[in-house]
Amino acid sequence: MAYAADNPSLSLLKEIHATVASAADDFQIASLKRSLAAYRSLLAEDAPIDVAVLGQFKAGKSSFINSLIGRPILPVGVIPVTTAITRLQYGETEQAVVTHFDGKKTSIPLDALADYTSEAKNPANEKNVEVIDCTLPTLAAFEGLRIVDTPGLGSVFQYHKATSENWLPEVGAAILAISADRPLSEHDLSLIRELTAHTPRIVLLLTKADLLTPDQQDEVVAFFRKTLARELNREFPIYLYSTRTAAESWREILEAELFRKLVANRASEFGHIARHKGRSLVRECLAYLQVALQASLAADRDRNALKKMILDERVNAGIVREEMSIVTRDIQGQTRTLIANYLTPFEAPLCRKITDALRTEMPSWRGNLWTLTRRYEAWVSEAMDEEMRKISAAEHRHFYGTLKKAHASLIRSLEFFRRLLDDNLRKVLGVGLGEVEWRIDVAEPDHPDTSFPRAFGYHLDLVWFLIPMFIFRGAFERSFVKKIPWEVEVNLSRVASQWETRINRAIDAMRRQAVLYVEEEFATMEALIAGAHGRTEEIRKVIADLENQLAKLPSHQERSDS
């Protein structure tokens, strides 16, 4: 059931959107563009309620959705998998449509999803996938909802605007997946804080609950509740889940208490969500308009002088951009050393392991030198490929030191810039910035490939017919064995180099996003300061209109577990 087009609340919400959009356009408030676009999409007729499943990498999001829909449609794996937003909803026919950033749409079979959504088959989203929409007849019980699988919020590349962070304004209801085998992190708390600005309905899903005993499950849930109450002064529904044990019973609880309630009360739920987002949008806009109002009231001051006082040498987009570049370049320079130092202890044990395996394998090889050499190259290639992939899969988390360091540094730079800007605004105009949170998400880079050189630096095996193997075979086998330490050193170095490239590329992506935040905020402030002159009454009228519209919305806090 749609939220009726003639519903009074919907009419008011559309008025709110129009007022904010007009103000953002008139006063060049670039920072509101994303929120406005999401709100416009939400208010579209018959818009489904997006139920987003969010969380850190490997929190079990895709596995949970597969279990929920009863089919392994979404790819899962031991390395980062999801690289694009995937939305699933009820439809009479089964289909999947890929929307690319250039607007092109491609229909694909459901079993080809991994070709477009996984890091392995679509590294760094090289296919430029914006979103994939799937319809399934089996989702009839969830008609009116759209289940959304998102890239892990530990995920590093900001794939244009199709990342989880940028998609947050579109969330209707949120399921935050947190692995039960790790504590509630500051990143989780920060995400929940931001989610409260976008949806009144947030639930926590403790995945991998089978790793804990019943007593441990109770202990973890109690810890989560206590932490949430202390840090956020709010309660959230918490559900246990596992795809291995008691999956059906846990899924039935979540379906009954969240999904079926959303479906049964879709119109009222849509209203709750739309009003919640409307209030947040108005408050964001009002904060910027207060800056414009105070700038306009300071009519006796020279515009340029006012701009210099607020956007002074400390709050300068060029300086902040350069500082971020210097810091990230310095951190990137440490990446290779960090990885290489960590991999060094693996070299000797790996040499022994592969040497022993080679000595066991070679006696079974037959043929001339050419055949023997090709066999060695194929064998060592396969062995090295397997070992390098094992090391990457098991140890790659230890390579992320500079990635985490860069993330923390960029967050501090953004907070410092915004604090300085807020201080200047308060000193000069007597108003501060609104509660707009900037987030930089971190996702794991895709795993590197491997390739291997020939066994010899020259083509000795081309003259195999001149070499009697019954005499020289032992010498060549010893030569093969002696090459193993070199093979190990070269391939460990290659792994370090490839991870260095991917991690430093991810750091660059984070820096670009941080710079974009600063530039947009800087441009907004410049526009508000320069463009507000002589518009005092106009700004006051817009503020009054928004406050009046806000007052008409229900003022009570809508419970997330209602």
Protein backbone atom coordinates (compact mmCIF):
# COMPACT_ATOMS: atom_id res chain seq x y z
CA MET A 1 0.00 0.00 0.00
CA ALA A 2 1.50 3.31 -1.06
CA TYR A 3 1.62 6.43 1.06
CA ALA A 4 -1.42 8.05 -0.57
CA ALA A 5 -0.60 10.90 -2.92
CA ASP A 6 -3.33 13.04 -1.35
CA ASN A 7 -2.10 12.36 2.22
CA PRO A 8 -1.74 15.72 4.02
CA SER A 9 1.60 14.74 5.55
CA LEU A 10 2.99 13.82 2.14
CA SER A 11 1.91 17.17 0.75
CA LEU A 12 3.70 18.93 3.63
CA LEU A 13 6.83 16.82 3.10
CA LYS A 14 6.87 17.74 -0.58
CA GLU A 15 6.54 21.39 0.41
CA ILE A 16 9.50 20.96 2.77
CA HIS A 17 11.57 19.42 -0.01
CA ALA A 18 10.65 22.24 -2.38
CA THR A 19 11.50 24.91 0.20
CA VAL A 20 14.88 23.39 1.07
CA ALA A 21 15.69 22.77 -2.61
CA SER A 22 14.86 26.36 -3.45
CA ALA A 23 16.96 27.67 -0.56
CA ALA A 24 19.88 25.42 -1.49
CA ASP A 25 19.69 26.68 -5.05
CA ASP A 26 19.23 30.36 -4.16
CA PHE A 27 22.02 30.41 -1.57
CA GLN A 28 24.29 27.84 -3.29
CA ILE A 29 24.33 25.38 -0.37
CA ALA A 30 26.23 22.62 -2.18
CA SER A 31 26.46 20.48 0.96
CA LEU A 32 22.72 19.70 0.77
CA LYS A 33 22.72 18.26 -2.76
CA ARG A 34 23.02 14.61 -1.74
CA SER A 35 20.38 14.76 0.99
CA LEU A 36 17.97 16.56 -1.30
CA ALA A 37 18.35 13.98 -4.07
CA ALA A 38 17.73 11.12 -1.64
CA TYR A 39 14.68 12.83 -0.16
CA ARG A 40 13.22 13.52 -3.59
CA SER A 41 13.62 9.83 -4.45
CA LEU A 42 11.97 8.81 -1.18
CA LEU A 43 8.90 10.97 -1.81
CA ALA A 44 8.36 9.57 -5.30
CA GLU A 45 5.00 7.84 -5.70
CA ASP A 46 5.05 4.17 -4.68
CA ALA A 47 8.67 4.41 -3.56
CA PRO A 48 9.67 1.21 -1.75
CA ILE A 49 11.05 1.31 1.78
CA ASP A 50 14.76 0.60 1.54
CA VAL A 51 15.91 -1.82 4.22
CA ALA A 52 19.68 -1.48 4.11
CA VAL A 53 21.99 -4.11 5.54
CA LEU A 54 25.15 -2.29 6.56
CA GLY A 55 28.26 -3.15 8.50
CA GLN A 56 31.97 -3.77 8.40
CA PHE A 57 33.65 -6.05 5.88
CA LYS A 58 33.02 -9.75 6.62
CA ALA A 59 30.23 -9.02 9.07
CA GLY A 60 28.05 -11.53 7.19
CA LYS A 61 25.73 -9.09 5.38
CA SER A 62 25.47 -10.92 2.06
CA SER A 63 25.16 -14.31 3.77
CA PHE A 64 22.31 -12.97 5.88
CA ILE A 65 20.44 -11.63 2.85
CA ASN A 66 20.93 -14.91 0.97
CA SER A 67 19.44 -16.75 3.92
CA LEU A 68 16.59 -14.27 4.12
CA ILE A 69 15.59 -14.70 0.48
CA GLY A 70 16.24 -18.44 0.54
CA ARG A 71 18.78 -18.51 -2.30
CA PRO A 72 22.55 -17.93 -2.59
CA ILE A 73 22.13 -15.04 -5.03
CA LEU A 74 24.67 -12.61 -3.57
CA PRO A 75 28.33 -13.61 -3.77
CA VAL A 76 30.16 -14.36 -0.54
CA GLY A 77 33.80 -15.24 0.03
CA VAL A 78 36.88 -15.08 2.21
CA ILE A 79 38.07 -11.82 0.65
CA PRO A 80 36.17 -8.53 0.21
CA VAL A 81 33.28 -9.32 -2.10
CA THR A 82 30.62 -6.64 -2.50
CA THR A 83 31.79 -3.70 -4.61
CA ALA A 84 28.46 -2.17 -5.66
CA ILE A 85 25.03 -1.51 -4.18
CA THR A 86 22.61 -4.38 -4.89
CA ARG A 87 18.86 -3.93 -4.31
CA LEU A 88 16.37 -6.79 -4.22
CA GLN A 89 12.58 -6.54 -4.23
CA TYR A 90 9.46 -8.42 -5.25
CA GLY A 91 8.67 -8.68 -8.96
CA GLU A 92 6.52 -10.98 -11.04
CA THR A 93 9.53 -11.97 -13.15
CA GLU A 94 13.03 -12.85 -12.06
CA GLN A 95 15.58 -10.41 -13.45
CA ALA A 96 18.60 -8.27 -12.67
CA VAL A 97 19.40 -4.90 -14.24
CA VAL A 98 22.78 -3.21 -13.93
CA THR A 99 22.78 0.59 -14.01
CA HIS A 100 26.15 2.10 -14.91
CA PHE A 101 27.39 5.57 -14.03
CA ASP A 102 26.84 6.74 -17.60
CA GLY A 103 23.16 5.79 -17.33
CA LYS A 104 23.47 2.69 -19.49
CA LYS A 105 21.43 -0.30 -18.29
CA THR A 106 22.35 -3.95 -18.83
CA SER A 107 20.10 -6.95 -18.14
CA ILE A 108 21.99 -9.91 -16.70
CA PRO A 109 21.04 -13.34 -15.32
CA LEU A 110 20.95 -13.55 -11.54
CA ASP A 111 23.74 -16.10 -11.50
CA ALA A 112 26.03 -13.49 -13.12
CA LEU A 113 25.76 -11.02 -10.22
CA ALA A 114 29.28 -11.80 -9.01
CA ASP A 115 30.67 -10.62 -12.37
CA TYR A 116 29.49 -7.11 -11.48
CA THR A 117 29.46 -7.00 -7.66
CA SER A 118 32.56 -8.85 -6.51
CA GLU A 119 36.06 -7.45 -6.07
CA ALA A 120 37.52 -10.55 -7.71
CA LYS A 121 35.56 -10.18 -10.97
CA ASN A 122 35.02 -6.41 -10.94
CA PRO A 123 38.15 -5.02 -9.24
CA ALA A 124 37.94 -1.37 -8.21
CA ASN A 125 34.50 -1.37 -9.89
CA GLU A 126 36.19 -1.12 -13.30
CA LYS A 127 32.81 -1.85 -14.93
CA ASN A 128 31.48 1.41 -13.45
CA VAL A 129 28.46 -0.15 -11.78
CA GLU A 130 26.29 2.35 -9.94
CA VAL A 131 23.58 -0.01 -8.69
CA ILE A 132 22.08 -3.41 -9.49
CA ASP A 133 18.33 -3.93 -9.13
CA CYS A 134 16.97 -7.45 -8.82
CA THR A 135 13.35 -8.60 -8.79
CA LEU A 136 12.33 -11.97 -7.40
CA PRO A 137 8.87 -13.59 -7.29
CA THR A 138 9.98 -15.32 -4.07
CA LEU A 139 10.02 -11.95 -2.26
CA ALA A 140 6.23 -11.62 -2.45
CA ALA A 141 6.03 -11.66 1.36
CA PHE A 142 8.18 -8.50 1.42
CA GLU A 143 6.28 -6.55 -1.24
CA GLY A 144 6.75 -2.82 -0.76
CA LEU A 145 10.24 -3.27 0.69
CA ARG A 146 13.60 -3.22 -1.06
CA ILE A 147 16.43 -5.12 0.61
CA VAL A 148 19.78 -3.46 -0.01
CA ASP A 149 23.19 -5.10 0.16
CA THR A 150 25.98 -2.57 0.58
CA PRO A 151 29.79 -2.65 0.25
CA GLY A 152 31.42 -3.27 3.61
CA LEU A 153 31.85 -0.08 5.57
CA GLY A 154 35.31 -1.27 6.18
CA SER A 155 35.36 -1.17 2.28
CA VAL A 156 38.35 1.42 1.09
CA PHE A 157 37.60 2.53 -2.43
CA GLN A 158 34.95 5.22 -2.78
CA TYR A 159 33.40 3.81 -5.96
CA HIS A 160 32.06 7.14 -7.18
CA LYS A 161 28.77 7.79 -5.33
CA ALA A 162 27.75 4.13 -5.06
CA THR A 163 29.42 3.44 -1.74
CA SER A 164 27.67 2.69 1.51
CA GLU A 165 28.68 6.00 3.04
CA ASN A 166 27.31 8.13 0.22
CA TRP A 167 24.16 6.04 0.05
CA LEU A 168 23.17 6.56 3.70
CA PRO A 169 20.65 9.37 3.04
CA GLU A 170 18.50 6.87 1.11
CA VAL A 171 18.16 4.43 4.02
CA GLY A 172 14.55 3.79 5.05
CA ALA A 173 15.27 1.21 7.72
CA ALA A 174 18.70 -0.03 8.70
CA ILE A 175 20.03 -3.37 9.85
CA LEU A 176 23.56 -2.92 11.16
CA ALA A 177 25.38 -6.25 11.03
CA ILE A 178 28.09 -6.66 13.67
CA SER A 179 30.05 -9.85 14.05
CA ALA A 180 29.42 -11.32 17.51
CA ASP A 181 33.08 -12.27 17.81
CA ARG A 182 34.30 -8.68 18.06
CA PRO A 183 33.41 -5.76 20.33
CA LEU A 184 31.20 -2.81 19.43
CA SER A 185 33.69 -0.42 17.82
CA GLU A 186 33.81 3.35 17.69
CA HIS A 187 33.21 3.02 13.95
CA ASP A 188 29.94 1.16 14.67
CA LEU A 189 28.85 3.82 17.16
CA SER A 190 29.71 6.57 14.69
CA LEU A 191 27.69 4.85 11.98
CA ILE A 192 24.68 4.48 14.31
CA ARG A 193 24.90 8.19 15.16
CA GLU A 194 24.79 9.08 11.50
CA LEU A 195 22.01 6.60 10.76
CA THR A 196 19.78 8.29 13.34
CA ALA A 197 19.72 11.33 11.05
CA HIS A 198 18.40 9.22 8.20
CA THR A 199 15.96 6.72 9.67
CA PRO A 200 13.97 6.25 12.89
CA ARG A 201 14.22 2.46 12.60
CA ILE A 202 17.61 0.93 13.32
CA VAL A 203 18.24 -2.62 14.51
CA LEU A 204 21.49 -4.38 15.35
CA LEU A 205 22.14 -7.86 13.99
CA LEU A 206 24.80 -9.86 15.83
CA THR A 207 26.00 -12.26 13.16
CA LYS A 208 28.11 -15.39 13.66
CA ALA A 209 26.31 -15.98 16.96
CA ASP A 210 27.21 -19.69 16.70
CA LEU A 211 30.77 -18.77 17.73
CA LEU A 212 29.47 -17.98 21.22
CA THR A 213 27.89 -20.12 23.91
CA PRO A 214 24.40 -19.11 25.13
CA ASP A 215 25.94 -17.47 28.21
CA GLN A 216 28.42 -15.59 26.04
CA GLN A 217 25.60 -14.47 23.75
CA ASP A 218 23.73 -13.00 26.71
CA GLU A 219 26.92 -11.32 27.91
CA VAL A 220 27.61 -9.74 24.52
CA VAL A 221 24.02 -8.49 24.14
CA ALA A 222 24.15 -6.99 27.65
CA PHE A 223 27.46 -5.30 26.82
CA PHE A 224 26.03 -3.87 23.60
CA ARG A 225 22.94 -2.52 25.37
CA LYS A 226 25.02 -0.93 28.10
CA THR A 227 27.44 0.65 25.61
CA LEU A 228 24.64 2.01 23.42
CA ALA A 229 22.83 3.49 26.42
CA ARG A 230 26.03 5.12 27.69
CA GLU A 231 27.30 6.44 24.34
CA LEU A 232 24.04 7.25 22.54
CA ASN A 233 21.51 7.47 25.39
CA ARG A 234 19.17 5.27 23.41
CA GLU A 235 18.03 1.66 23.10
CA PHE A 236 18.02 -0.33 19.87
CA PRO A 237 16.56 -3.76 19.09
CA ILE A 238 19.31 -6.40 19.04
CA TYR A 239 18.91 -9.75 17.26
CA LEU A 240 21.21 -12.76 17.13
CA TYR A 241 21.87 -14.50 13.85
CA SER A 242 23.94 -17.28 12.33
CA THR A 243 23.84 -19.01 8.97
CA ARG A 244 25.16 -22.20 10.57
CA THR A 245 23.05 -22.97 13.62
CA ALA A 246 19.46 -22.04 14.50
CA ALA A 247 19.38 -19.93 11.34
CA GLU A 248 15.73 -20.60 10.60
CA SER A 249 14.46 -19.73 14.08
CA TRP A 250 16.52 -16.54 14.28
CA ARG A 251 15.42 -15.52 10.78
CA GLU A 252 11.75 -16.08 11.66
CA ILE A 253 12.09 -13.80 14.69
CA LEU A 254 13.63 -11.02 12.60
CA GLU A 255 11.06 -11.45 9.83
CA ALA A 256 8.17 -11.28 12.29
CA GLU A 257 9.46 -8.33 14.33
CA LEU A 258 10.89 -6.19 11.53
CA PHE A 259 10.04 -7.15 7.95
CA ARG A 260 6.43 -8.22 8.40
CA LYS A 261 5.67 -5.16 10.54
CA LEU A 262 7.15 -2.93 7.86
CA VAL A 263 5.02 -4.63 5.19
CA ALA A 264 1.81 -4.69 7.24
CA ASN A 265 2.15 -1.03 8.24
CA ARG A 266 3.93 0.24 5.16
CA ALA A 267 1.98 3.50 4.86
CA SER A 268 2.54 4.54 8.48
CA GLU A 269 6.15 3.31 8.42
CA PHE A 270 6.78 5.33 5.27
CA GLY A 271 5.31 8.34 7.06
CA HIS A 272 7.58 7.85 10.07
CA ILE A 273 10.64 7.58 7.83
CA ALA A 274 9.70 10.49 5.58
CA ARG A 275 8.95 12.81 8.52
CA HIS A 276 12.17 11.79 10.25
CA LYS A 277 14.22 12.57 7.15
CA GLY A 278 12.25 15.77 6.59
CA ARG A 279 13.10 17.07 10.06
CA SER A 280 16.78 16.24 9.55
CA LEU A 281 16.84 17.96 6.17
CA VAL A 282 15.20 21.12 7.55
CA ARG A 283 17.64 21.31 10.48
CA GLU A 284 20.62 20.99 8.14
CA CYS A 285 19.27 23.77 5.93
CA LEU A 286 18.44 26.04 8.88
CA ALA A 287 22.00 25.83 10.18
CA TYR A 288 23.34 27.12 6.86
CA LEU A 289 20.65 29.79 6.59
CA GLN A 290 21.57 31.12 10.02
CA VAL A 291 25.07 31.69 8.68
CA ALA A 292 23.61 33.51 5.67
CA LEU A 293 21.34 35.59 7.94
CA GLN A 294 24.14 36.74 10.20
CA ALA A 295 26.29 37.54 7.19
CA SER A 296 23.49 39.64 5.77
CA LEU A 297 22.96 41.45 9.08
CA ALA A 298 26.62 42.43 9.10
CA ALA A 299 25.80 44.88 6.30
CA ASP A 300 28.12 47.55 7.65
CA ARG A 301 31.15 45.39 7.08
CA ASP A 302 32.98 45.02 3.85
CA ARG A 303 32.16 41.70 2.19
CA ASN A 304 35.80 40.86 1.56
CA ALA A 305 36.76 41.74 5.14
CA LEU A 306 33.98 39.50 6.44
CA LYS A 307 35.13 36.67 4.20
CA LYS A 308 38.74 37.03 5.37
CA MET A 309 37.66 36.94 9.01
CA ILE A 310 35.72 33.71 8.55
CA LEU A 311 37.76 32.01 5.82
CA ASP A 312 41.10 33.13 7.19
CA GLU A 313 44.56 31.63 6.71
CA ARG A 314 43.66 28.77 9.05
CA VAL A 315 40.48 27.92 7.15
CA ASN A 316 41.79 27.86 3.61
CA ALA A 317 40.76 25.09 1.23
CA GLY A 318 44.07 25.22 -0.64
CA ILE A 319 46.12 24.97 2.54
CA VAL A 320 43.98 22.14 3.93
CA ARG A 321 44.23 20.31 0.60
CA GLU A 322 48.02 20.68 0.55
CA GLU A 323 48.35 19.57 4.17
CA MET A 324 46.28 16.46 3.44
CA SER A 325 48.46 15.68 0.42
CA ILE A 326 51.68 16.08 2.42
CA VAL A 327 50.43 13.89 5.26
CA THR A 328 49.11 11.12 3.01
CA ARG A 329 52.26 11.12 0.83
CA ASP A 330 54.39 10.71 3.93
CA ILE A 331 52.19 7.86 5.16
CA GLN A 332 52.15 6.21 1.72
CA GLY A 333 55.93 6.21 1.73
CA GLN A 334 55.83 3.92 4.76
CA THR A 335 53.51 1.30 3.22
CA ARG A 336 56.08 -0.85 1.40
CA THR A 337 58.44 -0.96 4.39
CA LEU A 338 55.64 -1.95 6.75
CA ILE A 339 54.51 -4.82 4.54
CA ALA A 340 58.02 -6.01 3.68
CA ASN A 341 59.05 -6.06 7.34
CA TYR A 342 55.97 -8.07 8.22
CA LEU A 343 56.60 -10.60 5.42
CA THR A 344 60.32 -11.12 6.15
CA PRO A 345 59.80 -13.82 8.86
CA PHE A 346 57.76 -15.87 6.36
CA GLU A 347 60.67 -16.24 3.94
CA ALA A 348 62.77 -18.94 5.61
CA PRO A 349 59.89 -21.27 6.63
CA LEU A 350 58.36 -20.93 3.16
CA CYS A 351 61.69 -21.79 1.51
CA ARG A 352 61.94 -24.95 3.59
CA LYS A 353 58.34 -25.92 2.89
CA ILE A 354 58.55 -25.51 -0.89
CA THR A 355 62.03 -27.05 -1.09
CA ASP A 356 60.87 -30.16 0.76
CA ALA A 357 57.80 -30.42 -1.46
CA LEU A 358 59.94 -30.00 -4.61
CA ARG A 359 62.38 -32.69 -3.54
CA THR A 360 59.47 -35.04 -2.95
CA GLU A 361 57.87 -34.22 -6.29
CA MET A 362 60.84 -34.18 -8.72
CA PRO A 363 61.70 -37.93 -8.69
CA SER A 364 58.36 -38.63 -10.38
CA TRP A 365 59.07 -36.27 -13.28
CA ARG A 366 60.12 -37.83 -16.61
CA GLY A 367 61.51 -36.47 -19.88
CA ASN A 368 64.33 -34.41 -21.33
CA LEU A 369 65.63 -31.08 -20.03
CA TRP A 370 63.00 -29.09 -21.93
CA THR A 371 60.18 -31.19 -20.45
CA LEU A 372 61.76 -31.13 -17.00
CA THR A 373 62.14 -27.35 -17.08
CA ARG A 374 58.54 -26.79 -18.18
CA ARG A 375 57.39 -29.15 -15.42
CA TYR A 376 59.41 -27.24 -12.85
CA GLU A 377 58.08 -23.90 -14.00
CA ALA A 378 54.48 -25.12 -13.91
CA TRP A 379 54.98 -26.73 -10.50
CA VAL A 380 56.70 -23.75 -8.88
CA SER A 381 54.15 -21.40 -10.42
CA GLU A 382 51.29 -23.35 -8.90
CA ALA A 383 53.07 -23.73 -5.55
CA MET A 384 53.98 -20.06 -5.32
CA ASP A 385 50.53 -18.97 -6.42
CA GLU A 386 48.96 -21.08 -3.69
CA GLU A 387 51.36 -19.91 -0.99
CA MET A 388 51.15 -16.23 -1.92
CA ARG A 389 47.37 -16.37 -1.91
CA LYS A 390 47.40 -18.11 1.47
CA ILE A 391 49.65 -15.42 2.91
CA SER A 392 47.51 -12.65 1.44
CA ALA A 393 44.29 -14.19 2.73
CA ALA A 394 45.62 -14.95 6.21
CA GLU A 395 47.90 -11.97 6.82
CA HIS A 396 46.59 -9.04 4.76
CA ARG A 397 44.96 -7.37 7.77
CA HIS A 398 48.48 -6.75 9.06
CA PHE A 399 49.29 -4.74 5.91
CA TYR A 400 46.74 -2.04 6.67
CA GLY A 401 48.77 -0.02 9.16
CA THR A 402 49.28 2.95 6.82
CA LEU A 403 45.70 2.71 5.57
CA LYS A 404 44.35 3.05 9.09
CA LYS A 405 46.89 5.74 9.91
CA ALA A 406 45.87 7.76 6.85
CA HIS A 407 42.18 7.34 7.69
CA ALA A 408 42.69 8.62 11.23
CA SER A 409 44.81 11.51 9.97
CA LEU A 410 42.23 12.59 7.39
CA ILE A 411 39.40 12.40 9.93
CA ARG A 412 41.43 14.58 12.29
CA SER A 413 42.13 17.06 9.49
CA LEU A 414 38.43 17.31 8.64
CA GLU A 415 37.44 17.73 12.28
CA PHE A 416 40.15 20.36 12.76
CA PHE A 417 39.04 22.28 9.66
CA ARG A 418 35.40 22.20 10.69
CA ARG A 419 36.23 23.22 14.27
CA LEU A 420 38.24 26.21 13.05
CA LEU A 421 35.45 27.19 10.68
CA ASP A 422 32.90 26.84 13.48
CA ASP A 423 35.06 28.98 15.82
CA ASN A 424 35.39 31.71 13.20
CA LEU A 425 31.66 31.72 12.48
CA ARG A 426 30.85 32.05 16.18
CA LYS A 427 33.37 34.86 16.69
CA VAL A 428 32.34 36.83 13.62
CA LEU A 429 28.63 36.06 13.18
CA GLY A 430 27.61 34.53 16.50
CA VAL A 431 26.36 31.27 14.92
CA GLY A 432 27.98 27.87 14.50
CA LEU A 433 27.86 25.07 12.00
CA GLY A 434 25.05 22.55 11.96
CA GLU A 435 25.42 18.90 12.92
CA VAL A 436 26.56 17.64 9.52
CA GLU A 437 28.88 14.66 9.94
CA TRP A 438 31.59 13.94 7.42
CA ARG A 439 32.57 10.32 7.09
CA ILE A 440 35.40 8.66 5.23
CA ASP A 441 34.89 4.95 4.83
CA VAL A 442 37.64 2.36 4.61
CA ALA A 443 37.27 -0.77 2.43
CA GLU A 444 39.81 -3.47 1.86
CA PRO A 445 41.63 -3.44 -1.49
CA ASP A 446 41.26 -6.48 -3.75
CA HIS A 447 43.88 -9.20 -3.49
CA PRO A 448 46.85 -9.17 -5.90
CA ASP A 449 47.53 -11.74 -8.58
CA THR A 450 50.86 -13.53 -9.08
CA SER A 451 53.05 -14.31 -12.07
CA PHE A 452 56.33 -16.17 -12.33
CA PRO A 453 59.48 -16.01 -14.48
CA ARG A 454 61.13 -18.82 -16.42
CA ALA A 455 63.36 -21.24 -14.58
CA PHE A 456 66.54 -19.99 -16.29
CA GLY A 457 67.75 -16.58 -17.33
CA TYR A 458 68.86 -18.08 -20.68
CA HIS A 459 67.27 -20.79 -22.79
CA LEU A 460 69.59 -23.65 -21.92
CA ASP A 461 66.72 -26.10 -22.29
CA LEU A 462 66.54 -25.28 -26.03
CA VAL A 463 69.64 -27.42 -26.55
CA TRP A 464 68.20 -30.33 -24.58
CA PHE A 465 69.18 -32.78 -27.31
CA LEU A 466 72.87 -32.10 -26.58
CA ILE A 467 72.55 -32.79 -22.84
CA PRO A 468 72.51 -36.42 -21.60
CA MET A 469 70.02 -36.35 -18.76
CA PHE A 470 71.21 -39.61 -17.19
CA ILE A 471 74.46 -37.76 -16.43
CA PHE A 472 73.27 -34.23 -15.65
CA ARG A 473 69.76 -34.67 -14.23
CA GLY A 474 70.98 -34.50 -10.63
CA ALA A 475 72.79 -31.23 -11.33
CA PHE A 476 69.69 -29.67 -12.85
CA GLU A 477 67.52 -30.84 -9.96
CA ARG A 478 69.96 -29.24 -7.53
CA SER A 479 69.80 -26.08 -9.63
CA PHE A 480 66.01 -26.10 -9.36
CA VAL A 481 66.24 -26.47 -5.57
CA LYS A 482 68.77 -23.63 -5.31
CA LYS A 483 66.39 -21.32 -7.15
CA ILE A 484 63.63 -21.72 -4.55
CA PRO A 485 64.93 -19.05 -2.09
CA TRP A 486 65.13 -16.60 -4.99
CA GLU A 487 61.61 -17.53 -6.13
CA VAL A 488 60.28 -17.01 -2.60
CA GLU A 489 62.07 -13.67 -2.18
CA VAL A 490 60.88 -12.38 -5.56
CA ASN A 491 57.27 -13.40 -5.02
CA LEU A 492 57.06 -12.09 -1.47
CA SER A 493 58.47 -8.83 -2.82
CA ARG A 494 55.86 -8.91 -5.56
CA VAL A 495 53.08 -9.42 -3.02
CA ALA A 496 54.41 -6.49 -0.99
CA SER A 497 54.58 -4.33 -4.11
CA GLN A 498 51.07 -5.17 -5.26
CA TRP A 499 49.58 -4.60 -1.82
CA GLU A 500 51.51 -1.33 -1.61
CA THR A 501 49.94 -0.18 -4.89
CA ARG A 502 46.43 -1.11 -3.80
CA ILE A 503 46.72 0.37 -0.32
CA ASN A 504 48.26 3.62 -1.53
CA ARG A 505 45.57 3.88 -4.21
CA ALA A 506 42.98 3.48 -1.46
CA ILE A 507 44.68 6.21 0.58
CA ASP A 508 44.50 8.50 -2.45
CA ALA A 509 40.77 7.78 -2.78
CA MET A 510 40.20 8.70 0.86
CA ARG A 511 42.21 11.89 0.46
CA ARG A 512 40.17 12.89 -2.60
CA GLN A 513 36.94 12.38 -0.68
CA ALA A 514 38.21 14.43 2.27
CA VAL A 515 39.29 17.23 -0.08
CA LEU A 516 35.86 17.16 -1.75
CA TYR A 517 34.17 17.64 1.64
CA VAL A 518 36.37 20.64 2.40
CA GLU A 519 35.91 22.20 -1.03
CA GLU A 520 32.12 21.82 -0.93
CA GLU A 521 31.90 23.32 2.56
CA PHE A 522 34.27 26.10 1.59
CA ALA A 523 32.25 26.89 -1.54
CA THR A 524 29.04 26.88 0.48
CA MET A 525 30.46 29.32 3.05
CA GLU A 526 31.81 31.61 0.34
CA ALA A 527 28.41 31.65 -1.37
CA LEU A 528 26.57 32.34 1.90
CA ILE A 529 28.89 35.18 2.89
CA ALA A 530 29.07 36.83 -0.52
CA GLY A 531 25.51 36.20 -1.64
CA ALA A 532 23.60 37.07 1.53
CA HIS A 533 24.22 40.82 1.40
CA GLY A 534 20.98 42.75 1.24
CA ARG A 535 18.84 39.63 1.53
CA THR A 536 18.09 39.74 5.25
CA GLU A 537 14.32 39.76 4.94
CA GLU A 538 14.38 37.11 2.23
CA ILE A 539 16.49 34.81 4.41
CA ARG A 540 14.29 35.45 7.44
CA LYS A 541 11.24 34.52 5.41
CA VAL A 542 12.79 31.24 4.26
CA ILE A 543 13.81 30.45 7.85
CA ALA A 544 10.32 31.25 9.08
CA ASP A 545 8.76 29.09 6.36
CA LEU A 546 10.99 26.15 7.26
CA GLU A 547 10.40 26.54 11.00
CA ASN A 548 6.67 26.72 10.36
CA GLN A 549 6.77 23.58 8.22
CA LEU A 550 8.89 21.84 10.84
CA ALA A 551 6.40 22.75 13.55
CA LYS A 552 3.61 21.06 11.62
CA LEU A 553 5.42 17.73 11.70
CA PRO A 554 4.91 15.44 14.74
CA SER A 555 7.45 16.54 17.33
CA HIS A 556 7.58 13.35 19.39
CA GLN A 557 10.55 11.04 18.98
CA GLU A 558 9.53 8.09 16.87
CA ARG A 559 10.76 4.89 18.37
CA SER A 560 13.10 2.72 16.30
CA ASP A 561 11.44 -0.44 17.64
CA SER A 562 7.81 0.63 17.29
